[in-house]
């Protein structure tokens, strides 16, 4: 999406390694389009990584915010 290039705030792209709705490849593309974005891949999780792997999700989010 062209709007991704206009994002100017710190951005974390979180994706489960088994996500079929927004696969890792698409998340990598999103990350490349947003200047300075960071990608975190959550192992053993699908699209709802915050519910499927809450510890890994929270750790990634805390590291980004910290």
N, C-alpha and C. Protein backbone atom coordinates (compact mmCIF):
# COMPACT_ATOMS: atom_id res chain seq x y z
N UNK A 1 0.83 -1.18 0.00
CA UNK A 1 0.00 0.00 0.00
C UNK A 1 0.88 1.25 0.00
N UNK A 2 0.57 2.22 -0.80
CA UNK A 2 1.38 3.44 -0.88
C UNK A 2 1.46 4.21 0.43
N UNK A 3 0.48 4.04 1.28
CA UNK A 3 0.46 4.79 2.54
C UNK A 3 1.57 4.35 3.50
N UNK A 4 2.07 3.14 3.34
CA UNK A 4 3.12 2.65 4.24
C UNK A 4 4.35 3.55 4.23
N UNK A 5 4.69 4.09 3.08
CA UNK A 5 5.87 4.95 2.98
C UNK A 5 5.71 6.27 3.72
N UNK A 6 4.47 6.61 4.08
CA UNK A 6 4.22 7.88 4.77
C UNK A 6 4.28 7.75 6.29
N UNK A 7 4.39 6.54 6.79
CA UNK A 7 4.42 6.34 8.24
C UNK A 7 5.76 6.84 8.78
N UNK A 8 5.69 7.71 9.76
CA UNK A 8 6.90 8.32 10.28
C UNK A 8 7.09 8.14 11.77
N UNK A 9 6.50 7.10 12.31
CA UNK A 9 6.64 6.83 13.75
C UNK A 9 7.30 5.47 13.93
N UNK A 10 7.91 5.22 15.09
CA UNK A 10 8.49 3.90 15.32
C UNK A 10 7.42 2.82 15.12
N UNK A 11 7.78 1.80 14.37
CA UNK A 11 6.81 0.77 13.99
C UNK A 11 7.38 -0.62 14.22
N UNK A 12 6.58 -1.44 14.88
CA UNK A 12 6.92 -2.84 15.09
C UNK A 12 5.94 -3.68 14.30
N UNK A 13 6.45 -4.53 13.45
CA UNK A 13 5.63 -5.46 12.69
C UNK A 13 5.80 -6.83 13.33
N UNK A 14 4.74 -7.33 13.95
CA UNK A 14 4.77 -8.64 14.61
C UNK A 14 4.01 -9.63 13.75
N UNK A 15 4.59 -10.81 13.55
CA UNK A 15 3.93 -11.83 12.74
C UNK A 15 4.28 -13.21 13.30
N UNK A 16 3.30 -14.09 13.30
CA UNK A 16 3.55 -15.47 13.66
C UNK A 16 4.16 -16.20 12.48
N UNK A 17 5.09 -17.10 12.75
CA UNK A 17 5.76 -17.79 11.65
C UNK A 17 4.82 -18.73 10.89
N UNK A 18 3.64 -18.98 11.43
CA UNK A 18 2.66 -19.84 10.76
C UNK A 18 1.43 -19.05 10.30
N UNK A 19 1.54 -17.74 10.27
CA UNK A 19 0.43 -16.88 9.87
C UNK A 19 0.13 -17.07 8.39
N UNK A 20 -1.10 -17.46 8.08
CA UNK A 20 -1.48 -17.63 6.68
C UNK A 20 -2.28 -16.44 6.15
N UNK A 21 -2.80 -15.60 7.05
CA UNK A 21 -3.55 -14.42 6.61
C UNK A 21 -2.62 -13.28 6.20
N UNK A 22 -1.57 -13.07 6.98
CA UNK A 22 -0.52 -12.10 6.65
C UNK A 22 0.80 -12.84 6.85
N UNK A 23 1.22 -13.59 5.84
CA UNK A 23 2.43 -14.41 5.99
C UNK A 23 3.69 -13.58 6.25
N UNK A 24 4.70 -14.25 6.70
CA UNK A 24 5.97 -13.60 7.02
C UNK A 24 6.46 -12.78 5.83
N UNK A 25 6.32 -13.31 4.62
CA UNK A 25 6.79 -12.60 3.43
C UNK A 25 6.08 -11.26 3.27
N UNK A 26 4.79 -11.22 3.52
CA UNK A 26 4.05 -9.96 3.43
C UNK A 26 4.46 -9.00 4.53
N UNK A 27 4.72 -9.55 5.71
CA UNK A 27 5.16 -8.72 6.83
C UNK A 27 6.54 -8.14 6.55
N UNK A 28 7.40 -8.90 5.88
CA UNK A 28 8.72 -8.38 5.50
C UNK A 28 8.56 -7.22 4.52
N UNK A 29 7.62 -7.35 3.59
CA UNK A 29 7.36 -6.26 2.64
C UNK A 29 6.86 -5.02 3.37
N UNK A 30 5.93 -5.20 4.29
CA UNK A 30 5.43 -4.08 5.08
C UNK A 30 6.59 -3.40 5.80
N UNK A 31 7.43 -4.19 6.42
CA UNK A 31 8.57 -3.66 7.18
C UNK A 31 9.52 -2.87 6.27
N UNK A 32 9.74 -3.34 5.07
CA UNK A 32 10.62 -2.64 4.14
C UNK A 32 10.04 -1.31 3.68
N UNK A 33 8.71 -1.23 3.60
CA UNK A 33 8.05 -0.02 3.13
C UNK A 33 7.96 1.06 4.20
N UNK A 34 7.97 0.68 5.46
CA UNK A 34 7.88 1.65 6.56
C UNK A 34 9.31 1.96 7.02
N UNK A 35 9.72 3.18 6.85
CA UNK A 35 11.09 3.57 7.18
C UNK A 35 11.41 3.28 8.65
N UNK A 36 12.46 2.52 8.87
CA UNK A 36 12.92 2.23 10.22
C UNK A 36 12.11 1.19 10.97
N UNK A 37 11.16 0.56 10.31
CA UNK A 37 10.32 -0.44 10.98
C UNK A 37 11.16 -1.66 11.39
N UNK A 38 10.68 -2.30 12.43
CA UNK A 38 11.35 -3.51 12.94
C UNK A 38 10.39 -4.69 12.81
N UNK A 39 10.91 -5.83 12.37
CA UNK A 39 10.12 -7.03 12.21
C UNK A 39 10.48 -8.03 13.29
N UNK A 40 9.46 -8.59 13.93
CA UNK A 40 9.64 -9.66 14.91
C UNK A 40 8.75 -10.82 14.48
N UNK A 41 9.35 -11.99 14.33
CA UNK A 41 8.61 -13.19 13.95
C UNK A 41 8.44 -14.04 15.20
N UNK A 42 7.19 -14.35 15.54
CA UNK A 42 6.87 -15.13 16.72
C UNK A 42 6.80 -16.60 16.31
N UNK A 43 7.67 -17.44 16.90
CA UNK A 43 7.66 -18.86 16.54
C UNK A 43 6.40 -19.57 17.04
N UNK A 44 6.00 -20.58 16.30
CA UNK A 44 4.88 -21.45 16.68
C UNK A 44 3.58 -20.68 16.89
N UNK A 45 3.34 -19.67 16.07
CA UNK A 45 2.12 -18.88 16.19
C UNK A 45 1.59 -18.55 14.79
N UNK A 46 0.29 -18.36 14.74
CA UNK A 46 -0.36 -17.96 13.50
C UNK A 46 -0.72 -16.49 13.53
N UNK A 47 -1.89 -16.16 13.02
CA UNK A 47 -2.32 -14.76 12.90
C UNK A 47 -2.63 -14.12 14.25
N UNK A 48 -3.02 -14.90 15.22
CA UNK A 48 -3.34 -14.37 16.55
C UNK A 48 -2.20 -14.66 17.52
N UNK A 49 -1.02 -14.20 17.16
CA UNK A 49 0.18 -14.52 17.95
C UNK A 49 0.08 -14.02 19.38
N UNK A 50 -0.67 -12.96 19.62
CA UNK A 50 -0.82 -12.46 20.98
C UNK A 50 -1.59 -13.45 21.85
N UNK A 51 -2.46 -14.26 21.25
CA UNK A 51 -3.20 -15.28 21.99
C UNK A 51 -2.53 -16.64 21.95
N UNK A 52 -1.87 -16.94 20.84
CA UNK A 52 -1.26 -18.25 20.64
C UNK A 52 0.10 -18.39 21.33
N UNK A 53 0.82 -17.28 21.45
CA UNK A 53 2.15 -17.28 22.08
C UNK A 53 2.31 -15.98 22.87
N UNK A 54 1.49 -15.80 23.91
CA UNK A 54 1.48 -14.52 24.61
C UNK A 54 2.82 -14.11 25.22
N UNK A 55 3.57 -15.06 25.73
CA UNK A 55 4.87 -14.71 26.35
C UNK A 55 5.83 -14.14 25.30
N UNK A 56 5.92 -14.79 24.16
CA UNK A 56 6.81 -14.32 23.10
C UNK A 56 6.32 -12.99 22.54
N UNK A 57 5.01 -12.86 22.37
CA UNK A 57 4.43 -11.61 21.88
C UNK A 57 4.73 -10.47 22.84
N UNK A 58 4.45 -10.68 24.13
CA UNK A 58 4.68 -9.63 25.14
C UNK A 58 6.15 -9.26 25.24
N UNK A 59 7.03 -10.25 25.15
CA UNK A 59 8.48 -9.98 25.21
C UNK A 59 8.90 -9.09 24.04
N UNK A 60 8.43 -9.41 22.85
CA UNK A 60 8.77 -8.62 21.66
C UNK A 60 8.24 -7.19 21.80
N UNK A 61 7.03 -7.05 22.29
CA UNK A 61 6.42 -5.74 22.46
C UNK A 61 7.16 -4.94 23.55
N UNK A 62 7.48 -5.58 24.65
CA UNK A 62 8.21 -4.91 25.73
C UNK A 62 9.59 -4.46 25.27
N UNK A 63 10.27 -5.30 24.50
CA UNK A 63 11.59 -4.91 23.97
C UNK A 63 11.47 -3.72 23.05
N UNK A 64 10.43 -3.68 22.24
CA UNK A 64 10.23 -2.56 21.33
C UNK A 64 9.91 -1.28 22.10
N UNK A 65 9.06 -1.37 23.08
CA UNK A 65 8.65 -0.19 23.84
C UNK A 65 9.69 0.26 24.86
N UNK A 66 10.52 -0.68 25.31
CA UNK A 66 11.50 -0.38 26.34
C UNK A 66 12.67 0.37 25.83
